[in-house]
């Protein structure tokens, strides 16, 4: 199962063997980079789980992490107890070892999107696959963990982004994330067209974008630091209750401002290798844009996250975030 799917996915090698049995369920190869696992028996804690990786093709640690999960299931080390949709997103970029081919796939998950090209077509395919998966398992609670690595170092190497949507994050999610050794949480303040936002907005899923360290080639990732994350994915795939820890051990942030590039004349005034969550004091000149002018920190210190001056005009070039309190820790 695993070898055939990866061959089809990474090498573009078609296979006629698209369904088969596992010790605890069966699998279906739905499309290149899209694999569904269905258990023979659902546990009482089962959720409809979507685990996605390689939405950016150079982010290899999540691919290796998903591979470890699938190997556990295939070897019957892990008993499947919940339906799981595994997605590897941008296949040409994954094969090429680059972030994307033409445009950022993780800005295209919007049903009314009209763009054309490889990445827009793939976004439509993946949205349709997620829609169909949740429809097949509509009696179960939907969940989507979109796994990434960051293009730069971070003051918190492992953190999650909570998409903005009407669906509230359930308190136990924070405890699961803390036990998975996530170090920080960033709350978005408005809608975005990311993959995790899609599932949360359209399907009411418990959904997050995970940043699991820094981008590295295959074989050079620190998977030991991701062992607690593998345990979380394993618990969810087996339909068991994941480990929990106090949310207060994570740092929490909220987006205060978005920096958008509005002209060709755009630059940051800090080093390219500045880590995510670096703090800047009031009055600091952060950037200049030919249309917007100077961009400074105003009254309170702010932290910069995801700075990238080389985005398309009109696209987000970075986030300015502020510390916030941990969510109330109840027993839900």
Protein backbone atom coordinates (compact mmCIF):
# COMPACT_ATOMS: atom_id res chain seq x y z
CA UNK A 1 0.00 0.00 0.00
CA UNK A 2 2.57 2.56 1.13
CA UNK A 3 5.14 1.84 -1.56
CA UNK A 4 2.58 1.85 -4.36
CA UNK A 5 1.04 5.09 -3.19
CA UNK A 6 4.39 6.83 -2.81
CA UNK A 7 5.55 5.59 -6.23
CA UNK A 8 2.39 6.91 -7.82
CA UNK A 9 2.71 10.15 -5.91
CA UNK A 10 6.43 10.93 -6.22
CA UNK A 11 7.23 9.32 -9.56
CA UNK A 12 3.93 9.78 -11.33
CA UNK A 13 3.85 6.01 -11.90
CA UNK A 14 0.22 4.97 -12.47
CA UNK A 15 -1.03 1.88 -10.67
CA UNK A 16 -4.07 -0.27 -11.35
CA UNK A 17 -3.94 -1.58 -7.76
CA UNK A 18 -5.87 1.19 -6.03
CA UNK A 19 -7.64 -0.66 -3.24
CA UNK A 20 -6.55 -3.20 -0.69
CA UNK A 21 -6.83 -4.55 2.82
CA UNK A 22 -4.94 -3.78 5.98
CA UNK A 23 -5.00 -5.74 9.22
CA UNK A 24 -7.47 -3.27 10.73
CA UNK A 25 -9.20 -1.78 7.68
CA UNK A 26 -8.77 -1.07 4.01
CA UNK A 27 -7.23 1.61 1.84
CA UNK A 28 -8.17 3.38 -1.37
CA UNK A 29 -5.80 5.33 -3.60
CA UNK A 30 -8.20 8.08 -4.64
CA UNK A 31 -5.80 10.15 -6.75
CA UNK A 32 -2.08 10.92 -6.94
CA UNK A 33 -1.18 12.14 -3.48
CA UNK A 34 -4.59 11.28 -1.99
CA UNK A 35 -5.05 8.14 0.13
CA UNK A 36 -8.04 7.16 2.26
CA UNK A 37 -7.80 4.68 5.14
CA UNK A 38 -11.05 3.23 6.49
CA UNK A 39 -11.18 1.02 9.60
CA UNK A 40 -13.20 -2.15 9.88
CA UNK A 41 -14.42 -0.92 13.27
CA UNK A 42 -14.89 2.71 14.36
CA UNK A 43 -14.04 3.55 17.97
CA UNK A 44 -16.33 5.73 20.05
CA UNK A 45 -13.75 8.54 19.85
CA UNK A 46 -13.31 8.32 16.07
CA UNK A 47 -13.19 11.54 14.08
CA UNK A 48 -13.01 12.10 10.31
CA UNK A 49 -9.30 12.99 10.12
CA UNK A 50 -7.59 14.84 7.27
CA UNK A 51 -3.79 14.93 7.51
CA UNK A 52 -2.18 16.98 4.73
CA UNK A 53 1.46 17.68 3.92
CA UNK A 54 3.58 19.04 1.04
CA UNK A 55 1.15 21.85 0.27
CA UNK A 56 4.55 23.48 -0.22
CA UNK A 57 6.82 21.07 -2.05
CA UNK A 58 10.06 21.77 -0.17
CA UNK A 59 8.58 21.02 3.25
CA UNK A 60 9.71 17.43 3.71
CA UNK A 61 9.50 16.76 7.47
CA UNK A 62 5.69 16.44 7.37
CA UNK A 63 5.97 13.97 4.48
CA UNK A 64 8.38 11.84 6.50
CA UNK A 65 6.10 12.14 9.54
CA UNK A 66 3.07 10.95 7.56
CA UNK A 67 5.22 8.15 6.15
CA UNK A 68 6.01 7.01 9.71
CA UNK A 69 2.30 7.00 10.53
CA UNK A 70 1.42 4.94 7.46
CA UNK A 71 4.25 2.50 8.16
CA UNK A 72 2.86 1.92 11.66
CA UNK A 73 -0.58 1.18 10.24
CA UNK A 74 0.73 -1.07 7.47
CA UNK A 75 2.88 -3.07 9.90
CA UNK A 76 -0.10 -3.42 12.27
CA UNK A 77 1.83 -1.63 14.99
CA UNK A 78 -1.11 0.78 15.02
CA UNK A 79 -4.74 -0.38 14.80
CA UNK A 80 -6.80 1.85 12.56
CA UNK A 81 -9.91 3.08 14.41
CA UNK A 82 -10.94 6.22 12.52
CA UNK A 83 -11.17 7.18 8.84
CA UNK A 84 -8.13 9.10 7.66
CA UNK A 85 -7.61 11.07 4.45
CA UNK A 86 -3.89 11.55 3.78
CA UNK A 87 -2.95 14.25 1.26
CA UNK A 88 0.35 15.22 -0.30
CA UNK A 89 -0.48 18.52 -1.96
CA UNK A 90 1.81 20.05 -4.56
CA UNK A 91 3.29 17.02 -6.32
CA UNK A 92 5.38 18.71 -9.06
CA UNK A 93 6.88 21.03 -6.44
CA UNK A 94 7.54 18.08 -4.13
CA UNK A 95 9.35 16.25 -6.92
CA UNK A 96 11.34 19.40 -7.75
CA UNK A 97 12.12 20.18 -4.11
CA UNK A 98 10.77 23.71 -4.35
CA UNK A 99 8.04 25.65 -2.57
CA UNK A 100 5.70 25.91 -5.55
CA UNK A 101 5.82 25.84 -9.33
CA UNK A 102 3.91 28.99 -10.29
CA UNK A 103 2.02 30.31 -7.29
CA UNK A 104 1.50 29.55 -3.60
CA UNK A 105 -0.99 26.67 -3.34
CA UNK A 106 -1.83 27.59 0.25
CA UNK A 107 -3.50 30.83 -0.85
CA UNK A 108 -5.96 29.17 -3.26
CA UNK A 109 -8.42 27.23 -1.10
CA UNK A 110 -11.53 29.24 -1.88
CA UNK A 111 -14.52 27.79 -3.73
CA UNK A 112 -15.04 30.92 -5.84
CA UNK A 113 -11.38 31.00 -6.92
CA UNK A 114 -11.18 31.52 -10.71
CA UNK A 115 -7.42 31.33 -11.38
CA UNK A 116 -6.03 28.84 -13.87
CA UNK A 117 -2.86 26.76 -13.93
CA UNK A 118 -1.41 23.79 -12.06
CA UNK A 119 -1.77 25.07 -8.50
CA UNK A 120 -5.35 26.37 -8.92
CA UNK A 121 -6.37 23.07 -10.52
CA UNK A 122 -4.79 21.13 -7.67
CA UNK A 123 -6.54 23.32 -5.10
CA UNK A 124 -9.90 22.54 -6.72
CA UNK A 125 -9.11 18.83 -6.73
CA UNK A 126 -8.10 18.84 -3.07
CA UNK A 127 -11.15 20.85 -2.01
CA UNK A 128 -13.35 18.31 -3.81
CA UNK A 129 -11.56 15.40 -2.12
CA UNK A 130 -12.03 16.96 1.32
CA UNK A 131 -15.70 17.70 0.60
CA UNK A 132 -16.33 14.10 -0.48
CA UNK A 133 -14.42 12.63 2.49
CA UNK A 134 -16.37 14.60 5.06
CA UNK A 135 -19.63 13.73 3.26
CA UNK A 136 -18.77 10.00 3.40
CA UNK A 137 -18.19 10.28 7.15
CA UNK A 138 -20.79 12.90 8.03
CA UNK A 139 -21.70 11.26 11.36
CA UNK A 140 -18.19 11.93 12.68
CA UNK A 141 -16.63 15.18 13.84
CA UNK A 142 -14.35 16.64 11.12
CA UNK A 143 -10.70 17.37 11.89
CA UNK A 144 -7.90 18.70 9.66
CA UNK A 145 -4.23 19.00 10.57
CA UNK A 146 -2.26 20.67 7.75
CA UNK A 147 1.43 19.96 8.34
CA UNK A 148 4.15 22.39 7.24
CA UNK A 149 7.67 23.53 8.02
CA UNK A 150 8.73 27.19 8.01
CA UNK A 151 11.18 28.78 5.58
CA UNK A 152 13.09 30.40 8.47
CA UNK A 153 14.13 29.73 12.05
CA UNK A 154 11.71 30.55 14.83
CA UNK A 155 11.86 31.54 18.46
CA UNK A 156 9.26 28.76 18.77
CA UNK A 157 10.32 26.08 16.25
CA UNK A 158 7.05 24.14 16.59
CA UNK A 159 3.90 26.23 16.50
CA UNK A 160 0.37 26.14 15.16
CA UNK A 161 -1.78 28.69 13.40
CA UNK A 162 -5.46 28.67 14.34
CA UNK A 163 -7.49 29.79 11.30
CA UNK A 164 -10.21 32.37 11.76
CA UNK A 165 -13.76 31.03 11.31
CA UNK A 166 -17.10 30.87 13.10
CA UNK A 167 -16.30 27.41 14.49
CA UNK A 168 -14.73 27.61 17.95
CA UNK A 169 -11.70 25.52 18.79
CA UNK A 170 -12.62 22.94 21.41
CA UNK A 171 -10.65 23.26 24.65
CA UNK A 172 -9.28 19.72 24.48
CA UNK A 173 -7.46 20.64 21.27
CA UNK A 174 -5.19 22.99 23.20
CA UNK A 175 -4.37 20.19 25.64
CA UNK A 176 -3.61 17.80 22.78
CA UNK A 177 -1.34 20.35 21.11
CA UNK A 178 0.52 21.02 24.34
CA UNK A 179 1.12 17.29 24.83
CA UNK A 180 2.36 17.09 21.22
CA UNK A 181 5.11 19.54 22.27
CA UNK A 182 3.80 22.49 20.30
CA UNK A 183 5.46 25.58 21.71
CA UNK A 184 3.24 28.42 20.51
CA UNK A 185 -0.18 29.18 19.03
CA UNK A 186 -1.02 32.01 16.66
CA UNK A 187 -4.68 33.06 16.39
CA UNK A 188 -5.62 34.53 13.02
CA UNK A 189 -7.85 37.61 13.12
CA UNK A 190 -9.55 37.27 9.73
CA UNK A 191 -10.34 34.80 6.94
CA UNK A 192 -7.61 33.43 4.72
CA UNK A 193 -7.52 31.03 1.80
CA UNK A 194 -5.32 28.40 3.44
CA UNK A 195 -6.14 24.70 3.41
CA UNK A 196 -6.87 24.50 7.14
CA UNK A 197 -9.12 27.56 6.92
CA UNK A 198 -11.06 25.86 4.13
CA UNK A 199 -11.95 22.86 6.29
CA UNK A 200 -12.79 25.01 9.30
CA UNK A 201 -14.86 27.55 7.35
CA UNK A 202 -16.81 25.21 5.05
CA UNK A 203 -17.02 22.09 7.21
CA UNK A 204 -16.78 23.31 10.80
CA UNK A 205 -13.67 21.19 11.30
CA UNK A 206 -11.25 21.46 14.16
CA UNK A 207 -8.39 22.65 11.98
CA UNK A 208 -4.86 24.04 12.32
CA UNK A 209 -1.82 24.79 10.23
CA UNK A 210 1.23 23.26 11.91
CA UNK A 211 4.77 24.61 11.53
CA UNK A 212 7.06 21.73 12.50
CA UNK A 213 10.54 23.22 12.43
CA UNK A 214 12.45 24.61 9.47
CA UNK A 215 12.53 23.49 5.85
CA UNK A 216 15.16 20.83 5.11
CA UNK A 217 15.76 18.22 2.39
CA UNK A 218 14.59 14.63 2.81
CA UNK A 219 16.76 12.78 5.31
CA UNK A 220 17.93 15.94 7.08
CA UNK A 221 14.91 16.57 9.28
CA UNK A 222 14.95 16.35 13.09
CA UNK A 223 12.20 13.76 13.41
CA UNK A 224 13.11 13.06 17.05
CA UNK A 225 11.68 16.45 18.02
CA UNK A 226 8.45 15.48 16.25
CA UNK A 227 7.94 12.20 18.12
CA UNK A 228 5.17 13.69 20.33
CA UNK A 229 3.43 14.96 17.17
CA UNK A 230 3.61 11.46 15.69
CA UNK A 231 1.95 10.16 18.86
CA UNK A 232 -0.89 12.66 18.43
CA UNK A 233 -1.46 11.62 14.80
CA UNK A 234 -1.29 7.97 15.82
CA UNK A 235 -3.86 8.41 18.56
CA UNK A 236 -6.26 10.15 16.20
CA UNK A 237 -5.81 7.51 13.47
CA UNK A 238 -6.45 4.76 16.01
CA UNK A 239 -9.53 6.56 17.30
CA UNK A 240 -8.10 6.81 20.81
CA UNK A 241 -8.03 9.80 23.16
CA UNK A 242 -4.69 11.63 22.69
CA UNK A 243 -2.37 12.57 25.52
CA UNK A 244 -3.02 15.91 27.20
CA UNK A 245 -0.94 18.61 28.87
CA UNK A 246 -1.67 22.09 30.27
CA UNK A 247 -2.18 24.64 27.46
CA UNK A 248 -0.37 27.22 29.58
CA UNK A 249 2.94 25.62 28.66
CA UNK A 250 2.48 27.08 25.15
CA UNK A 251 2.87 30.78 24.27
CA UNK A 252 -0.20 32.35 22.68
CA UNK A 253 -0.25 35.20 20.16
CA UNK A 254 -2.85 37.08 18.15
CA UNK A 255 -2.42 38.85 14.83
CA UNK A 256 -2.39 42.62 15.32
CA UNK A 257 -1.59 43.73 11.75
CA UNK A 258 -0.91 42.26 8.34
CA UNK A 259 1.85 43.71 6.17
CA UNK A 260 0.90 43.58 2.48
CA UNK A 261 3.17 44.36 -0.40
CA UNK A 262 1.49 47.07 -2.48
CA UNK A 263 4.28 48.02 -4.91
CA UNK A 264 7.51 46.87 -6.53
CA UNK A 265 9.32 49.24 -4.18
CA UNK A 266 9.07 47.11 -1.05
CA UNK A 267 11.70 46.09 1.49
CA UNK A 268 12.11 45.02 5.09
CA UNK A 269 14.62 46.78 7.34
CA UNK A 270 15.59 43.70 9.29
CA UNK A 271 17.81 40.78 8.25
CA UNK A 272 16.43 38.13 5.92
CA UNK A 273 17.19 35.43 8.49
CA UNK A 274 15.27 37.13 11.32
CA UNK A 275 13.47 34.29 13.16
CA UNK A 276 9.70 34.10 13.40
CA UNK A 277 8.33 35.72 16.59
CA UNK A 278 11.27 38.13 16.92
CA UNK A 279 10.08 41.11 18.98
CA UNK A 280 10.48 44.76 17.91
CA UNK A 281 10.06 47.72 20.23
CA UNK A 282 7.81 50.75 19.61
CA UNK A 283 9.20 53.14 17.02
CA UNK A 284 11.15 50.48 15.10
CA UNK A 285 11.10 50.95 11.32
CA UNK A 286 10.13 47.54 9.94
CA UNK A 287 9.51 48.04 6.22
CA UNK A 288 8.98 50.52 3.41
CA UNK A 289 6.47 50.26 0.57
CA UNK A 290 6.32 52.65 -2.39
CA UNK A 291 2.56 53.15 -1.91
CA UNK A 292 2.17 52.77 1.84
CA UNK A 293 5.34 54.52 2.92
CA UNK A 294 7.19 53.53 6.10
CA UNK A 295 5.78 50.77 8.29
CA UNK A 296 6.71 51.13 11.96
CA UNK A 297 5.88 49.55 15.29
CA UNK A 298 3.58 51.98 17.09
CA UNK A 299 2.62 52.00 20.79
CA UNK A 300 3.34 48.42 21.91
CA UNK A 301 6.01 45.83 21.08
CA UNK A 302 5.15 43.49 18.20
CA UNK A 303 6.55 40.18 16.96
CA UNK A 304 7.06 39.45 13.27
CA UNK A 305 5.91 36.13 11.79
CA UNK A 306 6.21 34.80 8.21
CA UNK A 307 8.07 37.84 6.79
CA UNK A 308 8.68 37.42 3.05
CA UNK A 309 9.41 40.45 0.90
CA UNK A 310 9.32 38.44 -2.33
CA UNK A 311 5.58 37.84 -2.48
CA UNK A 312 3.32 39.00 -5.31
CA UNK A 313 2.03 42.56 -5.18
CA UNK A 314 -1.13 42.58 -3.10
CA UNK A 315 -0.09 39.47 -1.17
CA UNK A 316 0.68 39.23 2.52
CA UNK A 317 4.35 39.92 3.23
CA UNK A 318 4.24 39.25 6.96
CA UNK A 319 2.27 39.28 10.17
CA UNK A 320 2.74 41.48 13.22
CA UNK A 321 1.50 39.70 16.32
CA UNK A 322 1.06 40.42 19.99
CA UNK A 323 1.12 38.16 23.05
CA UNK A 324 -2.23 36.97 24.38
CA UNK A 325 -3.51 34.86 27.27
CA UNK A 326 -3.99 31.12 27.00
CA UNK A 327 -7.62 30.09 26.42
CA UNK A 328 -9.63 29.16 29.47
CA UNK A 329 -8.74 25.57 30.40
CA UNK A 330 -11.97 23.70 31.16
CA UNK A 331 -12.82 20.02 30.96
CA UNK A 332 -14.71 19.90 27.68
